[in-house]
Amino acid sequence: MIFDLDDLGTLVLFSKVVENGSFSETARQMGIAKSAVSKRITDLEKKMGVKLLVRTTRKVSLSESGLELLDYSRQISDAAKTASSIFQKTNLKDSGTIRVNSSGLFADHILLPAVIEYQEMNPEVQFDIKSDDTLIDLATEKFDLIVRYTRVIKNQSAVGRKLGEDRLCISASPEYLEKRGVPKKIEDLTHHNCMRYSPRTAKSEWCFQVRKKPFSPELSFSFLSCNDSLLKNAAKEHFGLCIMPTSFVRDSYEDGSLVEVLKGQLWAPERLIYGIMPEGHLAPARVKKFLQFLSKKVPSPY
């Protein structure tokens, strides 16, 4: 006779019934119905072709065959307890590797400083970071944490925690605006160099709010890139206008190298920053602790 995985669980249940001397007490401890406990033991007896327990109205006792099986069942139960204890201790330890997939913008500007600070306080934690903006399959990719700018989590196989909020804005250098003029209305953009973020997985247009509806004007983009840093640096070098989250251009606003134009005219400029984990993913303590730390490092919209 060959035991399968379900049988191993039943053997543990069998040793528990013997230990308690009761189906009812075992069912209570396991959080299942007494009838379920009885059925699993009966199914095991049928499979083995022997009587393992002698049941009376007052007690449960071992048969000769049950006595022979008990020692093996206890070894399996003890091994399961030992394994559970080891993994529980490992899970509670603030050490090990945290695998993060983050958008490039967030990774460069917010995640990296947070990781450096966190690792100084927790030197036994290592980080494995992949930076990209592509859509990934949460069911197959092996990440502990995924960080994205989004308006909504569309993937049904994901659970997320809001880390913060941001706002999209249109920026340009004062020198560029002095030369080309400050756009006052959407139509003015046709006379400007517009630079567009160009992701590999989706079309990205400039969308404005006109009469409470979205409107994407016909614009000629002079510069496209999937690298946010390139777009920001090009704007600082007086090349044109770009759209960025305020958290990424805050420093440039504060030092005067960039200024905002057409404020309040973008359609749905709000962006939420989410830390996302696959559904059913039992996050180790180190991941939960870092996620809590990271949420405090996301700046408020400028």
Protein backbone atom coordinates (compact mmCIF):
# COMPACT_ATOMS: atom_id res chain seq x y z
CA MET A 1 0.00 0.00 0.00
CA ILE A 2 1.25 3.49 -0.91
CA PHE A 3 0.22 6.56 1.08
CA ASP A 4 -0.55 9.80 -0.80
CA LEU A 5 -0.33 13.34 0.62
CA ASP A 6 -3.92 13.28 1.88
CA ASP A 7 -3.15 10.08 3.78
CA LEU A 8 -0.21 11.75 5.52
CA GLY A 9 -2.55 14.41 6.84
CA THR A 10 -4.94 11.72 8.01
CA LEU A 11 -2.11 9.94 9.84
CA VAL A 12 -1.43 13.15 11.74
CA LEU A 13 -5.15 13.35 12.51
CA PHE A 14 -5.08 9.71 13.65
CA SER A 15 -2.27 10.39 16.13
CA LYS A 16 -4.20 13.40 17.40
CA VAL A 17 -7.32 11.30 18.04
CA VAL A 18 -5.24 8.78 20.00
CA GLU A 19 -3.55 11.56 21.96
CA ASN A 20 -6.91 13.12 22.90
CA GLY A 21 -8.77 9.84 23.25
CA SER A 22 -11.71 11.57 21.63
CA PHE A 23 -13.10 12.40 18.20
CA SER A 24 -14.99 15.39 19.62
CA GLU A 25 -11.96 17.00 21.26
CA THR A 26 -9.84 16.46 18.17
CA ALA A 27 -12.53 18.05 15.99
CA ARG A 28 -12.69 21.04 18.35
CA GLN A 29 -8.91 21.55 18.28
CA MET A 30 -8.73 21.18 14.50
CA GLY A 31 -11.72 23.44 13.89
CA ILE A 32 -13.62 20.85 11.85
CA ALA A 33 -16.77 18.79 12.35
CA LYS A 34 -16.64 15.58 14.40
CA SER A 35 -18.20 13.74 11.47
CA ALA A 36 -15.33 14.88 9.23
CA VAL A 37 -12.76 13.46 11.66
CA SER A 38 -14.64 10.16 11.90
CA LYS A 39 -14.98 9.87 8.11
CA ARG A 40 -11.28 10.45 7.45
CA ILE A 41 -10.29 7.77 9.99
CA THR A 42 -12.87 5.35 8.55
CA ASP A 43 -11.57 6.00 5.01
CA LEU A 44 -8.03 5.30 6.21
CA GLU A 45 -9.13 2.03 7.80
CA LYS A 46 -10.85 0.99 4.57
CA LYS A 47 -7.78 1.82 2.53
CA MET A 48 -5.51 -0.16 4.88
CA GLY A 49 -8.01 -3.00 5.25
CA VAL A 50 -7.66 -3.09 9.06
CA LYS A 51 -9.39 -1.69 12.12
CA LEU A 52 -7.25 0.99 13.73
CA LEU A 53 -9.50 2.24 16.52
CA VAL A 54 -11.99 0.56 18.81
CA ARG A 55 -14.88 2.94 19.42
CA THR A 56 -17.25 2.79 22.37
CA THR A 57 -19.71 5.33 23.71
CA ARG A 58 -17.22 6.27 26.45
CA LYS A 59 -13.78 6.14 24.84
CA VAL A 60 -11.61 5.47 21.82
CA SER A 61 -8.85 2.87 22.13
CA LEU A 62 -6.23 1.39 19.81
CA SER A 63 -6.51 -1.95 18.06
CA GLU A 64 -3.37 -4.04 17.56
CA SER A 65 -2.97 -2.67 14.04
CA GLY A 66 -3.56 0.85 15.30
CA LEU A 67 -0.81 0.42 17.87
CA GLU A 68 1.64 -0.59 15.12
CA LEU A 69 0.68 2.45 13.02
CA LEU A 70 0.76 4.93 15.89
CA ASP A 71 4.55 5.19 16.09
CA TYR A 72 4.85 6.10 12.40
CA SER A 73 1.96 8.53 12.68
CA ARG A 74 3.64 10.28 15.60
CA GLN A 75 6.90 10.58 13.65
CA ILE A 76 5.01 12.26 10.79
CA SER A 77 3.20 14.55 13.23
CA ASP A 78 6.45 15.51 14.98
CA ALA A 79 8.16 16.18 11.64
CA ALA A 80 5.27 18.43 10.59
CA LYS A 81 5.48 20.37 13.87
CA THR A 82 9.25 20.78 13.50
CA ALA A 83 8.93 22.01 9.91
CA SER A 84 6.17 24.43 10.92
CA SER A 85 8.29 25.80 13.77
CA ILE A 86 11.34 26.28 11.53
CA PHE A 87 9.42 28.12 8.83
CA GLN A 88 7.56 30.23 11.37
CA LYS A 89 10.84 31.39 12.90
CA THR A 90 12.27 32.08 9.44
CA ASN A 91 9.19 34.05 8.45
CA LEU A 92 9.36 36.20 11.57
CA LYS A 93 13.04 37.00 11.15
CA ASP A 94 13.84 40.40 9.68
CA SER A 95 16.36 38.94 7.25
CA GLY A 96 16.50 37.45 3.79
CA THR A 97 15.83 38.76 0.30
CA ILE A 98 12.97 41.06 -0.75
CA ARG A 99 12.25 40.81 -4.49
CA VAL A 100 10.80 44.07 -5.80
CA ASN A 101 9.53 45.05 -9.24
CA SER A 102 9.06 48.80 -9.54
CA SER A 103 8.35 51.34 -12.25
CA GLY A 104 11.57 53.05 -13.27
CA LEU A 105 10.37 56.45 -12.12
CA PHE A 106 9.50 55.27 -8.62
CA ALA A 107 12.63 53.11 -8.36
CA ASP A 108 15.00 55.97 -9.18
CA HIS A 109 13.38 58.71 -7.18
CA ILE A 110 11.74 57.10 -4.13
CA LEU A 111 12.54 53.39 -3.86
CA LEU A 112 16.34 53.62 -4.05
CA PRO A 113 16.74 56.19 -1.23
CA ALA A 114 14.28 54.19 0.89
CA VAL A 115 16.15 50.91 0.27
CA ILE A 116 19.50 52.47 1.20
CA GLU A 117 18.10 53.90 4.44
CA TYR A 118 16.24 50.67 5.31
CA GLN A 119 19.25 48.46 4.67
CA GLU A 120 21.43 50.61 6.92
CA MET A 121 18.97 49.86 9.74
CA ASN A 122 18.45 46.21 8.73
CA PRO A 123 21.74 44.91 7.29
CA GLU A 124 20.51 41.29 7.15
CA VAL A 125 17.85 42.20 4.57
CA GLN A 126 18.91 42.03 0.92
CA PHE A 127 17.06 43.53 -2.04
CA ASP A 128 16.66 42.14 -5.55
CA ILE A 129 15.14 44.97 -7.60
CA LYS A 130 13.93 44.91 -11.18
CA SER A 131 13.04 48.29 -12.62
CA ASP A 132 10.64 48.46 -15.58
CA ASP A 133 7.19 49.66 -16.56
CA THR A 134 5.97 46.58 -18.40
CA LEU A 135 2.85 44.69 -17.40
CA ILE A 136 3.80 41.49 -15.63
CA ASP A 137 1.98 38.27 -14.89
CA LEU A 138 1.57 38.17 -11.12
CA ALA A 139 0.73 34.48 -11.22
CA THR A 140 4.10 33.50 -12.69
CA GLU A 141 6.57 36.26 -11.78
CA LYS A 142 8.36 35.63 -8.51
CA PHE A 143 8.21 39.01 -6.79
CA ASP A 144 7.42 39.77 -3.16
CA LEU A 145 6.35 43.32 -3.97
CA ILE A 146 5.38 45.26 -7.10
CA VAL A 147 5.14 49.07 -7.07
CA ARG A 148 3.16 50.94 -9.71
CA TYR A 149 1.63 54.35 -10.40
CA THR A 150 -1.97 53.64 -11.29
CA ARG A 151 -5.54 54.87 -11.04
CA VAL A 152 -6.95 51.44 -10.26
CA ILE A 153 -5.67 47.87 -9.77
CA LYS A 154 -7.17 45.98 -12.70
CA ASN A 155 -5.51 42.62 -12.12
CA GLN A 156 -7.90 40.40 -10.19
CA SER A 157 -5.05 38.16 -9.04
CA ALA A 158 -3.50 41.00 -7.04
CA VAL A 159 -3.99 42.62 -3.67
CA GLY A 160 -2.60 46.07 -3.08
CA ARG A 161 -1.82 48.57 -0.40
CA LYS A 162 -1.95 52.27 -1.14
CA LEU A 163 1.45 53.82 -0.47
CA GLY A 164 0.61 57.38 -1.41
CA GLU A 165 -0.76 59.76 -4.01
CA ASP A 166 0.76 61.84 -6.78
CA ARG A 167 -0.36 64.26 -9.48
CA LEU A 168 0.68 64.62 -13.11
CA CYS A 169 1.85 68.04 -14.22
CA ILE A 170 3.22 69.76 -17.35
CA SER A 171 6.67 71.21 -16.88
CA ALA A 172 9.16 73.33 -18.80
CA SER A 173 12.24 75.40 -18.04
CA PRO A 174 11.90 79.19 -17.57
CA GLU A 175 14.45 79.67 -20.37
CA TYR A 176 12.35 77.63 -22.80
CA LEU A 177 9.18 79.52 -21.87
CA GLU A 178 10.91 82.87 -22.22
CA LYS A 179 11.94 81.89 -25.74
CA ARG A 180 8.74 80.17 -26.89
CA GLY A 181 6.12 81.78 -24.68
CA VAL A 182 3.99 80.41 -21.83
CA PRO A 183 1.04 78.30 -23.07
CA LYS A 184 -2.19 79.67 -21.63
CA LYS A 185 -4.62 77.28 -23.28
CA ILE A 186 -4.53 73.82 -24.82
CA GLU A 187 -4.45 75.19 -28.39
CA ASP A 188 -1.15 76.93 -27.66
CA LEU A 189 0.59 73.56 -27.42
CA THR A 190 0.61 73.22 -31.22
CA HIS A 191 3.34 75.86 -31.24
CA HIS A 192 5.52 74.08 -28.69
CA ASN A 193 7.96 71.19 -28.53
CA CYS A 194 6.06 68.48 -26.64
CA MET A 195 7.91 65.48 -25.23
CA ARG A 196 6.00 62.29 -24.55
CA TYR A 197 6.61 59.30 -22.35
CA SER A 198 6.43 56.29 -24.67
CA PRO A 199 5.95 52.99 -22.80
CA ARG A 200 6.54 49.71 -24.60
CA THR A 201 3.18 48.21 -23.63
CA ALA A 202 0.59 50.95 -24.06
CA LYS A 203 -0.20 54.10 -26.00
CA SER A 204 0.39 57.28 -24.01
CA GLU A 205 -1.24 60.54 -25.14
CA TRP A 206 -1.64 63.93 -23.51
CA CYS A 207 -5.24 64.10 -22.30
CA PHE A 208 -6.95 67.26 -21.07
CA GLN A 209 -10.26 68.12 -19.47
CA VAL A 210 -12.59 70.07 -21.72
CA ARG A 211 -16.15 70.66 -20.54
CA LYS A 212 -15.71 67.87 -18.00
CA LYS A 213 -14.76 65.37 -20.71
CA PRO A 214 -11.39 63.95 -21.79
CA PHE A 215 -9.81 65.50 -24.87
CA SER A 216 -6.56 64.50 -26.60
CA PRO A 217 -5.40 67.21 -29.02
CA GLU A 218 -3.46 66.53 -32.20
CA LEU A 219 0.11 67.22 -31.09
CA SER A 220 3.41 66.70 -32.84
CA PHE A 221 5.79 65.18 -30.33
CA SER A 222 9.38 66.17 -30.98
CA PHE A 223 10.87 63.76 -28.44
CA LEU A 224 9.70 60.35 -27.22
CA SER A 225 11.30 58.13 -24.59
CA CYS A 226 10.41 55.36 -22.15
CA ASN A 227 13.00 56.84 -19.77
CA ASP A 228 11.52 59.47 -17.44
CA SER A 229 14.94 60.80 -16.45
CA LEU A 230 15.75 61.58 -20.08
CA LEU A 231 12.49 63.50 -20.46
CA LYS A 232 13.10 65.47 -17.29
CA ASN A 233 16.69 66.31 -18.23
CA ALA A 234 15.62 67.32 -21.74
CA ALA A 235 13.10 69.73 -20.22
CA LYS A 236 15.77 71.16 -17.92
CA GLU A 237 17.96 71.64 -20.98
CA HIS A 238 15.21 73.87 -22.44
CA PHE A 239 14.12 71.37 -25.11
CA GLY A 240 10.37 71.50 -24.50
CA LEU A 241 7.37 70.51 -22.36
CA CYS A 242 6.94 67.17 -20.58
CA ILE A 243 4.38 65.51 -18.30
CA MET A 244 5.68 64.06 -15.04
CA PRO A 245 4.41 63.17 -11.57
CA THR A 246 5.05 66.07 -9.21
CA SER A 247 7.17 63.88 -6.92
CA PHE A 248 9.69 63.53 -9.73
CA VAL A 249 9.97 67.24 -10.53
CA ARG A 250 9.54 68.63 -7.01
CA ASP A 251 13.27 69.29 -6.65
CA SER A 252 13.35 71.10 -10.00
CA TYR A 253 10.38 73.25 -9.02
CA GLU A 254 12.08 74.14 -5.77
CA ASP A 255 15.39 75.11 -7.40
CA GLY A 256 13.64 76.94 -10.23
CA SER A 257 14.99 74.85 -13.10
CA LEU A 258 11.43 73.80 -14.06
CA VAL A 259 8.02 75.43 -13.64
CA GLU A 260 4.48 74.14 -14.11
CA VAL A 261 2.20 75.30 -16.92
CA LEU A 262 -1.47 74.68 -17.71
CA LYS A 263 -2.07 73.66 -14.12
CA GLY A 264 -5.45 72.04 -13.50
CA GLN A 265 -6.17 71.36 -17.17
CA LEU A 266 -5.04 67.72 -17.44
CA TRP A 267 -7.72 65.03 -17.44
CA ALA A 268 -7.64 62.87 -14.29
CA PRO A 269 -4.12 63.85 -13.25
CA GLU A 270 -4.30 62.00 -9.94
CA ARG A 271 -2.17 58.90 -9.65
CA LEU A 272 -2.17 56.43 -6.78
CA ILE A 273 1.01 54.63 -5.79
CA TYR A 274 0.34 51.02 -4.86
CA GLY A 275 2.44 48.28 -3.36
CA ILE A 276 1.02 45.14 -4.96
CA MET A 277 1.37 41.49 -4.00
CA PRO A 278 -0.05 38.40 -5.73
CA GLU A 279 -3.36 37.27 -4.24
CA GLY A 280 -2.89 34.57 -1.63
CA HIS A 281 0.77 35.53 -1.23
CA LEU A 282 1.74 35.07 2.41
CA ALA A 283 4.20 37.91 2.77
CA PRO A 284 7.13 37.31 5.12
CA ALA A 285 7.52 39.71 8.02
CA ARG A 286 10.46 41.43 6.30
CA VAL A 287 8.25 42.35 3.32
CA LYS A 288 5.42 43.69 5.49
CA LYS A 289 7.87 45.71 7.58
CA PHE A 290 9.55 47.22 4.51
CA LEU A 291 6.17 48.03 2.93
CA GLN A 292 5.20 49.90 6.09
CA PHE A 293 8.51 51.78 6.01
CA LEU A 294 8.18 52.59 2.30
CA SER A 295 4.68 54.06 2.75
CA LYS A 296 6.21 56.74 5.02
CA LYS A 297 8.76 57.73 2.35
CA VAL A 298 6.26 58.59 -0.39
CA PRO A 299 5.97 62.42 -0.51
CA SER A 300 2.65 64.17 -0.78
CA PRO A 301 1.76 65.78 -4.15
CA TYR A 302 3.52 69.10 -4.76
